[in-house]
Amino acid sequence: MSHHFVALELVLQSKSATEDKTFAINKHRMYNNCVLQLLKAIARFDESEFKVNQAWVISALSQLILCDDRNVRMYVSQIYNDHVNELLLRK
């Protein structure tokens, strides 16, 4: 899902987009809501939940870092600060 979301952002930023802009904008909004709900849930993970899911979560977060949406970046930053940075410091 995060890959599609970032790809849609690239389409919207492209000056020579072949996809209909209105369709892409609507599709981006739909993904934006899903991504935000997912990030809100991940932000509430406790340490054990995060460890169990860290492989796919970190992969998704690394793609979402490129996102232009302020709310998405805010949650990504929060999750990195609360969970990922701590994992990196322990190693």
N, C-alpha and C. Protein backbone atom coordinates (compact mmCIF):
# COMPACT_ATOMS: atom_id res chain seq x y z
N MET A 1 0.81 -1.18 0.00
CA MET A 1 0.00 0.00 0.00
C MET A 1 0.86 1.25 0.00
N SER A 2 1.90 1.27 0.80
CA SER A 2 2.75 2.47 0.85
C SER A 2 3.43 2.71 -0.49
N HIS A 3 3.79 1.62 -1.18
CA HIS A 3 4.42 1.75 -2.49
C HIS A 3 3.47 2.44 -3.48
N HIS A 4 2.20 2.02 -3.49
CA HIS A 4 1.21 2.61 -4.38
C HIS A 4 0.97 4.08 -4.03
N PHE A 5 0.95 4.37 -2.75
CA PHE A 5 0.73 5.74 -2.29
C PHE A 5 1.85 6.66 -2.78
N VAL A 6 3.08 6.23 -2.61
CA VAL A 6 4.22 7.03 -3.06
C VAL A 6 4.22 7.14 -4.58
N ALA A 7 3.89 6.07 -5.27
CA ALA A 7 3.83 6.11 -6.73
C ALA A 7 2.78 7.11 -7.21
N LEU A 8 1.64 7.17 -6.52
CA LEU A 8 0.61 8.14 -6.88
C LEU A 8 1.11 9.56 -6.68
N GLU A 9 1.86 9.79 -5.63
CA GLU A 9 2.42 11.12 -5.40
C GLU A 9 3.34 11.52 -6.55
N LEU A 10 4.11 10.58 -7.03
CA LEU A 10 5.01 10.86 -8.15
C LEU A 10 4.22 11.19 -9.41
N VAL A 11 3.10 10.50 -9.63
CA VAL A 11 2.24 10.78 -10.79
C VAL A 11 1.68 12.20 -10.67
N LEU A 12 1.23 12.57 -9.48
CA LEU A 12 0.65 13.89 -9.29
C LEU A 12 1.69 15.00 -9.46
N GLN A 13 2.93 14.71 -9.14
CA GLN A 13 3.99 15.71 -9.26
C GLN A 13 4.53 15.80 -10.68
N SER A 14 4.29 14.78 -11.48
CA SER A 14 4.81 14.74 -12.85
C SER A 14 4.07 15.76 -13.72
N LYS A 15 4.83 16.47 -14.53
CA LYS A 15 4.24 17.45 -15.44
C LYS A 15 3.65 16.77 -16.66
N SER A 16 4.15 15.60 -16.99
CA SER A 16 3.67 14.90 -18.18
C SER A 16 2.98 13.60 -17.79
N ALA A 17 2.12 13.68 -16.80
CA ALA A 17 1.41 12.49 -16.33
C ALA A 17 0.46 11.99 -17.40
N THR A 18 0.48 10.69 -17.64
CA THR A 18 -0.41 10.11 -18.63
C THR A 18 -1.75 9.75 -18.02
N GLU A 19 -1.79 9.58 -16.73
CA GLU A 19 -3.03 9.23 -16.04
C GLU A 19 -3.85 10.50 -15.82
N ASP A 20 -5.16 10.38 -15.91
CA ASP A 20 -6.05 11.50 -15.66
C ASP A 20 -5.81 12.05 -14.25
N LYS A 21 -5.52 13.34 -14.16
CA LYS A 21 -5.17 13.95 -12.87
C LYS A 21 -6.30 13.83 -11.85
N THR A 22 -7.54 14.02 -12.27
CA THR A 22 -8.67 13.94 -11.33
C THR A 22 -8.75 12.55 -10.72
N PHE A 23 -8.62 11.54 -11.56
CA PHE A 23 -8.64 10.16 -11.06
C PHE A 23 -7.48 9.92 -10.10
N ALA A 24 -6.29 10.40 -10.46
CA ALA A 24 -5.12 10.22 -9.61
C ALA A 24 -5.29 10.94 -8.27
N ILE A 25 -5.86 12.13 -8.30
CA ILE A 25 -6.09 12.88 -7.06
C ILE A 25 -7.05 12.14 -6.15
N ASN A 26 -8.14 11.64 -6.71
CA ASN A 26 -9.12 10.89 -5.91
C ASN A 26 -8.53 9.61 -5.36
N LYS A 27 -7.76 8.93 -6.17
CA LYS A 27 -7.11 7.70 -5.74
C LYS A 27 -6.10 8.00 -4.62
N HIS A 28 -5.37 9.09 -4.75
CA HIS A 28 -4.40 9.50 -3.74
C HIS A 28 -5.10 9.80 -2.42
N ARG A 29 -6.23 10.49 -2.45
CA ARG A 29 -6.99 10.79 -1.23
C ARG A 29 -7.44 9.51 -0.53
N MET A 30 -7.89 8.54 -1.34
CA MET A 30 -8.33 7.28 -0.77
C MET A 30 -7.17 6.58 -0.07
N TYR A 31 -6.04 6.50 -0.74
CA TYR A 31 -4.86 5.88 -0.13
C TYR A 31 -4.39 6.68 1.08
N ASN A 32 -4.46 8.00 1.01
CA ASN A 32 -4.02 8.84 2.11
C ASN A 32 -4.77 8.50 3.40
N ASN A 33 -6.09 8.34 3.30
CA ASN A 33 -6.88 7.99 4.48
C ASN A 33 -6.48 6.62 5.04
N CYS A 34 -6.28 5.66 4.15
CA CYS A 34 -5.87 4.31 4.59
C CYS A 34 -4.48 4.34 5.24
N VAL A 35 -3.56 5.05 4.61
CA VAL A 35 -2.19 5.15 5.14
C VAL A 35 -2.21 5.82 6.50
N LEU A 36 -2.99 6.89 6.66
CA LEU A 36 -3.06 7.57 7.96
C LEU A 36 -3.62 6.66 9.04
N GLN A 37 -4.66 5.90 8.72
CA GLN A 37 -5.23 4.97 9.71
C GLN A 37 -4.21 3.90 10.10
N LEU A 38 -3.49 3.40 9.11
CA LEU A 38 -2.46 2.39 9.38
C LEU A 38 -1.36 2.97 10.27
N LEU A 39 -0.91 4.18 9.96
CA LEU A 39 0.15 4.80 10.75
C LEU A 39 -0.31 5.10 12.17
N LYS A 40 -1.56 5.50 12.33
CA LYS A 40 -2.10 5.75 13.68
C LYS A 40 -2.09 4.46 14.50
N ALA A 41 -2.45 3.36 13.87
CA ALA A 41 -2.44 2.06 14.56
C ALA A 41 -1.02 1.65 14.92
N ILE A 42 -0.08 1.82 13.99
CA ILE A 42 1.32 1.46 14.26
C ILE A 42 1.88 2.33 15.37
N ALA A 43 1.51 3.60 15.40
CA ALA A 43 2.00 4.50 16.44
C ALA A 43 1.56 4.04 17.84
N ARG A 44 0.47 3.31 17.91
CA ARG A 44 -0.03 2.81 19.21
C ARG A 44 0.56 1.45 19.59
N PHE A 45 1.39 0.85 18.72
CA PHE A 45 2.00 -0.44 19.03
C PHE A 45 2.83 -0.32 20.31
N ASP A 46 2.77 -1.36 21.12
CA ASP A 46 3.73 -1.42 22.22
C ASP A 46 5.01 -2.07 21.69
N GLU A 47 6.00 -2.20 22.53
CA GLU A 47 7.30 -2.69 22.08
C GLU A 47 7.22 -4.09 21.47
N SER A 48 6.45 -4.98 22.10
CA SER A 48 6.37 -6.36 21.59
C SER A 48 5.62 -6.42 20.25
N GLU A 49 4.56 -5.63 20.09
CA GLU A 49 3.83 -5.59 18.82
C GLU A 49 4.73 -5.06 17.70
N PHE A 50 5.52 -4.05 18.03
CA PHE A 50 6.39 -3.49 17.01
C PHE A 50 7.46 -4.49 16.59
N LYS A 51 8.03 -5.20 17.55
CA LYS A 51 9.07 -6.19 17.22
C LYS A 51 8.54 -7.28 16.31
N VAL A 52 7.31 -7.75 16.57
CA VAL A 52 6.71 -8.81 15.75
C VAL A 52 6.50 -8.33 14.31
N ASN A 53 6.19 -7.05 14.15
CA ASN A 53 5.84 -6.51 12.84
C ASN A 53 6.92 -5.62 12.21
N GLN A 54 8.08 -5.57 12.83
CA GLN A 54 9.07 -4.58 12.41
C GLN A 54 9.54 -4.71 10.97
N ALA A 55 9.60 -5.89 10.42
CA ALA A 55 10.10 -6.05 9.04
C ALA A 55 9.23 -5.29 8.04
N TRP A 56 7.94 -5.55 8.06
CA TRP A 56 7.07 -4.87 7.10
C TRP A 56 6.83 -3.41 7.46
N VAL A 57 6.81 -3.10 8.77
CA VAL A 57 6.58 -1.72 9.20
C VAL A 57 7.73 -0.82 8.75
N ILE A 58 8.96 -1.26 9.00
CA ILE A 58 10.11 -0.44 8.63
C ILE A 58 10.20 -0.29 7.11
N SER A 59 9.86 -1.34 6.38
CA SER A 59 9.84 -1.25 4.93
C SER A 59 8.83 -0.20 4.46
N ALA A 60 7.64 -0.23 5.03
CA ALA A 60 6.60 0.74 4.66
C ALA A 60 7.01 2.16 5.05
N LEU A 61 7.57 2.32 6.23
CA LEU A 61 8.00 3.64 6.69
C LEU A 61 9.08 4.22 5.80
N SER A 62 10.00 3.38 5.35
CA SER A 62 11.09 3.88 4.52
C SER A 62 10.57 4.41 3.19
N GLN A 63 9.46 3.87 2.70
CA GLN A 63 8.85 4.39 1.47
C GLN A 63 8.06 5.66 1.74
N LEU A 64 7.43 5.73 2.90
CA LEU A 64 6.58 6.87 3.22
C LEU A 64 7.37 8.12 3.61
N ILE A 65 8.64 7.98 3.87
CA ILE A 65 9.48 9.14 4.18
C ILE A 65 9.43 10.13 3.02
N LEU A 66 9.25 9.64 1.81
CA LEU A 66 9.21 10.49 0.62
C LEU A 66 7.90 11.23 0.43
N CYS A 67 6.91 10.94 1.23
CA CYS A 67 5.58 11.50 1.08
C CYS A 67 5.56 13.01 1.30
N ASP A 68 4.73 13.70 0.52
CA ASP A 68 4.57 15.14 0.67
C ASP A 68 3.52 15.53 1.71
N ASP A 69 2.70 14.57 2.12
CA ASP A 69 1.63 14.88 3.07
C ASP A 69 2.19 15.11 4.47
N ARG A 70 1.87 16.24 5.04
CA ARG A 70 2.40 16.62 6.36
C ARG A 70 1.96 15.65 7.47
N ASN A 71 0.71 15.22 7.44
CA ASN A 71 0.22 14.30 8.48
C ASN A 71 0.92 12.94 8.40
N VAL A 72 1.10 12.46 7.20
CA VAL A 72 1.80 11.17 7.02
C VAL A 72 3.23 11.30 7.55
N ARG A 73 3.92 12.36 7.18
CA ARG A 73 5.30 12.55 7.65
C ARG A 73 5.36 12.70 9.16
N MET A 74 4.34 13.34 9.76
CA MET A 74 4.30 13.50 11.21
C MET A 74 4.23 12.13 11.90
N TYR A 75 3.36 11.25 11.40
CA TYR A 75 3.24 9.92 12.01
C TYR A 75 4.49 9.08 11.76
N VAL A 76 5.05 9.17 10.57
CA VAL A 76 6.28 8.43 10.28
C VAL A 76 7.38 8.88 11.23
N SER A 77 7.51 10.17 11.43
CA SER A 77 8.51 10.70 12.36
C SER A 77 8.26 10.22 13.78
N GLN A 78 7.01 10.24 14.20
CA GLN A 78 6.66 9.78 15.55
C GLN A 78 7.03 8.32 15.74
N ILE A 79 6.71 7.50 14.76
CA ILE A 79 7.02 6.06 14.86
C ILE A 79 8.52 5.83 14.88
N TYR A 80 9.25 6.56 14.04
CA TYR A 80 10.71 6.45 14.08
C TYR A 80 11.23 6.84 15.45
N ASN A 81 10.75 7.94 16.00
CA ASN A 81 11.22 8.40 17.31
C ASN A 81 10.86 7.44 18.43
N ASP A 82 9.66 6.88 18.37
CA ASP A 82 9.19 6.02 19.46
C ASP A 82 9.68 4.57 19.36
N HIS A 83 9.92 4.09 18.16
CA HIS A 83 10.22 2.66 18.00
C HIS A 83 11.53 2.37 17.27
N VAL A 84 11.69 2.94 16.08
CA VAL A 84 12.81 2.56 15.22
C VAL A 84 14.14 3.04 15.78
N ASN A 85 14.21 4.28 16.19
CA ASN A 85 15.46 4.82 16.73
C ASN A 85 15.96 4.00 17.91
N GLU A 86 15.05 3.57 18.75
CA GLU A 86 15.41 2.76 19.90
C GLU A 86 16.03 1.42 19.49
N LEU A 87 15.46 0.83 18.45
CA LEU A 87 16.02 -0.43 17.93
C LEU A 87 17.44 -0.23 17.41
N LEU A 88 17.64 0.88 16.71
CA LEU A 88 18.97 1.16 16.14
C LEU A 88 20.00 1.42 17.25
N LEU A 89 19.60 2.07 18.30
CA LEU A 89 20.51 2.38 19.39
C LEU A 89 20.93 1.13 20.18
N ARG A 90 20.03 0.14 20.23
CA ARG A 90 20.32 -1.09 20.97
C ARG A 90 21.35 -1.96 20.28
N LYS A 91 21.44 -1.85 18.97
CA LYS A 91 22.34 -2.74 18.21
C LYS A 91 23.74 -2.30 18.23
